[in-house]
Amino acid sequence: MLEIRPICENCAKRLPNESSEAMICSFECTFCAECVTNILDNVCPNCGGGFALRPSRPTKDFTKYNVGNFPVTIKEVYKPVNMEKFKRLYESNAGLNPRER
């Protein structure tokens, strides 16, 4: 089950459960759409993978799997991207389809 992390790892922008700006990689590294697009160019600085829009947990009681029964995490992961280290990872992955990395 996804943690639904509450902030962008790079800029600390708030990304609540209902945010349409939250992006995740396959390891659930969480960044805002602005950082993914303008800084990372769809390359995760942690694993080299690509990003997808993070789903949200339902807020209504349609089923038992709502946010009330399965709360999102309050753990904040904030580790701004070290652009010098990221440059090497980026150069080896830029332009490649994330499924081909």
N, C-alpha and C. Protein backbone atom coordinates (compact mmCIF):
# COMPACT_ATOMS: atom_id res chain seq x y z
N MET A 1 0.84 -1.16 0.00
CA MET A 1 0.00 0.00 0.00
C MET A 1 0.90 1.24 0.00
N LEU A 2 0.57 2.23 -0.81
CA LEU A 2 1.35 3.45 -0.89
C LEU A 2 1.31 4.22 0.43
N GLU A 3 2.42 4.87 0.75
CA GLU A 3 2.48 5.70 1.94
C GLU A 3 1.73 7.02 1.74
N ILE A 4 1.70 7.52 0.52
CA ILE A 4 1.17 8.86 0.20
C ILE A 4 1.96 9.89 1.00
N ARG A 5 3.24 10.01 0.68
CA ARG A 5 4.13 10.93 1.40
C ARG A 5 3.66 12.38 1.23
N PRO A 6 3.81 13.19 2.28
CA PRO A 6 3.15 14.50 2.31
C PRO A 6 3.90 15.68 1.69
N ILE A 7 5.17 15.50 1.29
CA ILE A 7 5.91 16.63 0.73
C ILE A 7 6.79 16.19 -0.43
N CYS A 8 7.19 17.17 -1.24
CA CYS A 8 8.17 16.94 -2.31
C CYS A 8 9.53 16.76 -1.66
N GLU A 9 10.24 15.72 -2.04
CA GLU A 9 11.56 15.46 -1.46
C GLU A 9 12.56 16.57 -1.77
N ASN A 10 12.37 17.28 -2.87
CA ASN A 10 13.32 18.31 -3.26
C ASN A 10 13.01 19.68 -2.70
N CYS A 11 11.78 20.15 -2.84
CA CYS A 11 11.47 21.53 -2.46
C CYS A 11 10.56 21.64 -1.24
N ALA A 12 10.11 20.52 -0.71
CA ALA A 12 9.25 20.45 0.48
C ALA A 12 7.84 21.01 0.26
N LYS A 13 7.45 21.15 -0.99
CA LYS A 13 6.07 21.58 -1.27
C LYS A 13 5.10 20.57 -0.69
N ARG A 14 4.04 21.04 -0.09
CA ARG A 14 3.01 20.16 0.48
C ARG A 14 2.29 19.41 -0.63
N LEU A 15 2.18 18.09 -0.46
CA LEU A 15 1.51 17.23 -1.43
C LEU A 15 0.53 16.33 -0.67
N PRO A 16 -0.59 16.89 -0.24
CA PRO A 16 -1.56 16.08 0.50
C PRO A 16 -2.15 14.98 -0.36
N ASN A 17 -2.86 14.09 0.25
CA ASN A 17 -3.48 12.94 -0.42
C ASN A 17 -4.19 13.35 -1.71
N GLU A 18 -4.93 14.43 -1.69
CA GLU A 18 -5.74 14.82 -2.85
C GLU A 18 -4.97 15.65 -3.89
N SER A 19 -3.67 15.85 -3.72
CA SER A 19 -2.89 16.66 -4.65
C SER A 19 -2.83 16.03 -6.04
N SER A 20 -3.02 16.86 -7.04
CA SER A 20 -2.89 16.40 -8.43
C SER A 20 -1.49 16.71 -8.96
N GLU A 21 -0.60 17.21 -8.09
CA GLU A 21 0.76 17.55 -8.48
C GLU A 21 1.79 16.55 -7.99
N ALA A 22 1.38 15.55 -7.23
CA ALA A 22 2.33 14.58 -6.67
C ALA A 22 2.72 13.55 -7.71
N MET A 23 4.00 13.34 -7.86
CA MET A 23 4.55 12.36 -8.78
C MET A 23 5.40 11.37 -7.99
N ILE A 24 5.37 10.08 -8.37
CA ILE A 24 6.16 9.06 -7.69
C ILE A 24 6.89 8.19 -8.71
N CYS A 25 8.01 7.62 -8.26
CA CYS A 25 8.69 6.61 -9.07
C CYS A 25 8.27 5.24 -8.54
N SER A 26 8.83 4.18 -9.05
CA SER A 26 8.41 2.84 -8.63
C SER A 26 8.80 2.52 -7.19
N PHE A 27 9.71 3.29 -6.61
CA PHE A 27 10.08 3.11 -5.21
C PHE A 27 9.34 4.09 -4.30
N GLU A 28 8.42 4.83 -4.86
CA GLU A 28 7.59 5.81 -4.17
C GLU A 28 8.36 7.05 -3.74
N CYS A 29 9.50 7.33 -4.37
CA CYS A 29 10.15 8.62 -4.17
C CYS A 29 9.11 9.64 -4.64
N THR A 30 8.91 10.69 -3.87
CA THR A 30 7.81 11.61 -4.13
C THR A 30 8.32 13.01 -4.41
N PHE A 31 7.92 13.55 -5.55
CA PHE A 31 8.32 14.90 -5.95
C PHE A 31 7.10 15.61 -6.54
N CYS A 32 7.13 16.94 -6.52
CA CYS A 32 6.04 17.70 -7.14
C CYS A 32 6.26 17.71 -8.65
N ALA A 33 5.19 17.94 -9.38
CA ALA A 33 5.26 17.94 -10.84
C ALA A 33 6.23 18.99 -11.36
N GLU A 34 6.32 20.12 -10.67
CA GLU A 34 7.23 21.18 -11.11
C GLU A 34 8.69 20.72 -11.03
N CYS A 35 9.08 20.07 -9.94
CA CYS A 35 10.45 19.57 -9.83
C CYS A 35 10.71 18.46 -10.84
N VAL A 36 9.75 17.55 -11.02
CA VAL A 36 9.91 16.45 -11.98
C VAL A 36 10.12 17.00 -13.39
N THR A 37 9.36 18.02 -13.75
CA THR A 37 9.42 18.58 -15.10
C THR A 37 10.60 19.52 -15.30
N ASN A 38 10.79 20.47 -14.39
CA ASN A 38 11.75 21.55 -14.61
C ASN A 38 13.14 21.29 -14.08
N ILE A 39 13.29 20.37 -13.14
CA ILE A 39 14.61 20.10 -12.57
C ILE A 39 15.11 18.70 -12.91
N LEU A 40 14.23 17.72 -12.74
CA LEU A 40 14.64 16.32 -12.88
C LEU A 40 14.43 15.75 -14.28
N ASP A 41 13.64 16.40 -15.10
CA ASP A 41 13.37 15.94 -16.45
C ASP A 41 12.96 14.47 -16.49
N ASN A 42 12.09 14.10 -15.55
CA ASN A 42 11.52 12.75 -15.45
C ASN A 42 12.56 11.66 -15.16
N VAL A 43 13.65 12.01 -14.47
CA VAL A 43 14.65 11.04 -14.04
C VAL A 43 14.72 11.11 -12.51
N CYS A 44 14.35 10.04 -11.83
CA CYS A 44 14.39 10.03 -10.37
C CYS A 44 15.85 10.13 -9.91
N PRO A 45 16.17 11.09 -9.05
CA PRO A 45 17.56 11.24 -8.60
C PRO A 45 18.01 10.14 -7.66
N ASN A 46 17.09 9.33 -7.18
CA ASN A 46 17.43 8.26 -6.25
C ASN A 46 17.65 6.92 -6.96
N CYS A 47 16.81 6.61 -7.95
CA CYS A 47 16.89 5.29 -8.58
C CYS A 47 17.08 5.34 -10.10
N GLY A 48 16.92 6.51 -10.71
CA GLY A 48 17.08 6.63 -12.15
C GLY A 48 15.83 6.30 -12.94
N GLY A 49 14.77 5.91 -12.27
CA GLY A 49 13.51 5.58 -12.94
C GLY A 49 12.73 6.81 -13.36
N GLY A 50 11.59 6.58 -13.96
CA GLY A 50 10.71 7.67 -14.36
C GLY A 50 9.61 7.88 -13.33
N PHE A 51 8.77 8.86 -13.58
CA PHE A 51 7.71 9.22 -12.65
C PHE A 51 6.33 9.04 -13.27
N ALA A 52 5.35 8.84 -12.40
CA ALA A 52 3.95 8.79 -12.79
C ALA A 52 3.16 9.58 -11.75
N LEU A 53 2.00 10.03 -12.16
CA LEU A 53 1.12 10.74 -11.25
C LEU A 53 0.75 9.82 -10.09
N ARG A 54 0.90 10.31 -8.86
CA ARG A 54 0.56 9.49 -7.70
C ARG A 54 -0.95 9.43 -7.53
N PRO A 55 -1.49 8.24 -7.34
CA PRO A 55 -2.93 8.15 -7.08
C PRO A 55 -3.24 8.66 -5.68
N SER A 56 -4.49 8.93 -5.42
CA SER A 56 -4.90 9.35 -4.08
C SER A 56 -5.75 8.25 -3.47
N ARG A 57 -5.76 8.22 -2.17
CA ARG A 57 -6.59 7.27 -1.45
C ARG A 57 -8.01 7.84 -1.36
N PRO A 58 -9.04 7.06 -1.59
CA PRO A 58 -10.41 7.58 -1.51
C PRO A 58 -10.70 8.22 -0.15
N THR A 59 -11.45 9.30 -0.17
CA THR A 59 -11.82 9.98 1.07
C THR A 59 -13.23 9.62 1.52
N LYS A 60 -14.04 9.11 0.61
CA LYS A 60 -15.42 8.72 0.93
C LYS A 60 -15.46 7.26 1.38
N ASP A 61 -16.50 6.90 2.06
CA ASP A 61 -16.65 5.55 2.60
C ASP A 61 -17.31 4.59 1.61
N PHE A 62 -16.92 4.63 0.35
CA PHE A 62 -17.49 3.71 -0.64
C PHE A 62 -17.12 2.27 -0.31
N THR A 63 -15.89 2.08 0.13
CA THR A 63 -15.41 0.76 0.54
C THR A 63 -14.64 0.95 1.84
N LYS A 64 -14.14 -0.13 2.37
CA LYS A 64 -13.35 -0.04 3.60
C LYS A 64 -11.94 0.52 3.36
N TYR A 65 -11.55 0.70 2.10
CA TYR A 65 -10.19 1.12 1.77
C TYR A 65 -10.05 2.63 1.64
N ASN A 66 -10.70 3.37 2.49
CA ASN A 66 -10.63 4.83 2.41
C ASN A 66 -9.55 5.37 3.34
N VAL A 67 -9.26 6.63 3.19
CA VAL A 67 -8.19 7.27 3.94
C VAL A 67 -8.47 7.27 5.44
N GLY A 68 -9.73 7.21 5.83
CA GLY A 68 -10.06 7.15 7.25
C GLY A 68 -9.62 5.84 7.89
N ASN A 69 -9.74 4.75 7.16
CA ASN A 69 -9.33 3.44 7.66
C ASN A 69 -7.85 3.15 7.41
N PHE A 70 -7.29 3.75 6.39
CA PHE A 70 -5.88 3.57 6.04
C PHE A 70 -5.24 4.95 5.86
N PRO A 71 -4.90 5.60 6.97
CA PRO A 71 -4.37 6.96 6.89
C PRO A 71 -3.05 7.03 6.11
N VAL A 72 -2.82 8.19 5.54
CA VAL A 72 -1.56 8.44 4.83
C VAL A 72 -0.46 8.67 5.86
N THR A 73 0.79 8.53 5.42
CA THR A 73 1.91 8.70 6.34
C THR A 73 2.10 10.17 6.72
N ILE A 74 2.67 10.39 7.87
CA ILE A 74 3.05 11.75 8.27
C ILE A 74 4.56 11.92 8.16
N LYS A 75 5.25 10.82 7.80
CA LYS A 75 6.71 10.85 7.65
C LYS A 75 7.08 11.73 6.46
N GLU A 76 7.90 12.73 6.70
CA GLU A 76 8.34 13.63 5.63
C GLU A 76 9.76 13.26 5.21
N VAL A 77 9.95 13.03 3.93
CA VAL A 77 11.27 12.75 3.37
C VAL A 77 11.69 14.01 2.62
N TYR A 78 12.66 14.71 3.19
CA TYR A 78 13.16 15.95 2.57
C TYR A 78 14.66 15.82 2.40
N LYS A 79 15.07 15.66 1.16
CA LYS A 79 16.49 15.58 0.84
C LYS A 79 16.69 16.21 -0.52
N PRO A 80 16.91 17.54 -0.53
CA PRO A 80 17.08 18.24 -1.80
C PRO A 80 18.11 17.55 -2.69
N VAL A 81 17.86 17.61 -3.96
CA VAL A 81 18.71 16.93 -4.94
C VAL A 81 20.09 17.57 -4.98
N ASN A 82 21.12 16.74 -4.85
CA ASN A 82 22.49 17.18 -5.03
C ASN A 82 22.72 17.20 -6.54
N MET A 83 22.69 18.37 -7.12
CA MET A 83 22.73 18.49 -8.58
C MET A 83 24.03 17.96 -9.18
N GLU A 84 25.12 18.02 -8.45
CA GLU A 84 26.39 17.50 -8.97
C GLU A 84 26.31 15.97 -9.11
N LYS A 85 25.81 15.29 -8.08
CA LYS A 85 25.64 13.83 -8.15
C LYS A 85 24.57 13.45 -9.18
N PHE A 86 23.50 14.22 -9.20
CA PHE A 86 22.40 13.93 -10.11
C PHE A 86 22.82 14.06 -11.57
N LYS A 87 23.73 14.96 -11.86
CA LYS A 87 24.16 15.19 -13.24
C LYS A 87 24.67 13.90 -13.88
N ARG A 88 25.44 13.11 -13.16
CA ARG A 88 25.96 11.85 -13.71
C ARG A 88 24.83 10.87 -14.00
N LEU A 89 23.91 10.73 -13.06
CA LEU A 89 22.77 9.84 -13.24
C LEU A 89 21.89 10.32 -14.38
N TYR A 90 21.67 11.62 -14.43
CA TYR A 90 20.83 12.21 -15.46
C TYR A 90 21.41 11.96 -16.85
N GLU A 91 22.69 12.19 -16.99
CA GLU A 91 23.33 12.04 -18.31
C GLU A 91 23.24 10.61 -18.84
N SER A 92 23.22 9.63 -17.95
CA SER A 92 23.14 8.25 -18.41
C SER A 92 21.69 7.80 -18.67
N ASN A 93 20.72 8.61 -18.26
CA ASN A 93 19.31 8.23 -18.42
C ASN A 93 18.47 9.21 -19.24
N ALA A 94 18.95 10.40 -19.44
CA ALA A 94 18.18 11.41 -20.17
C ALA A 94 17.89 10.94 -21.59
N GLY A 95 16.68 11.16 -22.01
CA GLY A 95 16.30 10.80 -23.36
C GLY A 95 15.85 9.34 -23.51
N LEU A 96 16.11 8.52 -22.52
CA LEU A 96 15.66 7.13 -22.57
C LEU A 96 14.26 7.03 -21.98
N ASN A 97 13.44 6.23 -22.62
CA ASN A 97 12.12 5.95 -22.07
C ASN A 97 12.34 5.27 -20.72
N PRO A 98 11.64 5.69 -19.66
CA PRO A 98 11.85 5.06 -18.35
C PRO A 98 11.75 3.54 -18.37
N ARG A 99 10.96 2.96 -19.25
CA ARG A 99 10.83 1.51 -19.33
C ARG A 99 12.04 0.86 -20.00
N GLU A 100 12.94 1.67 -20.57
CA GLU A 100 14.14 1.15 -21.22
C GLU A 100 15.41 1.42 -20.41
N ARG A 101 15.25 2.00 -19.23
CA ARG A 101 16.44 2.33 -18.42
C ARG A 101 16.95 1.13 -17.69
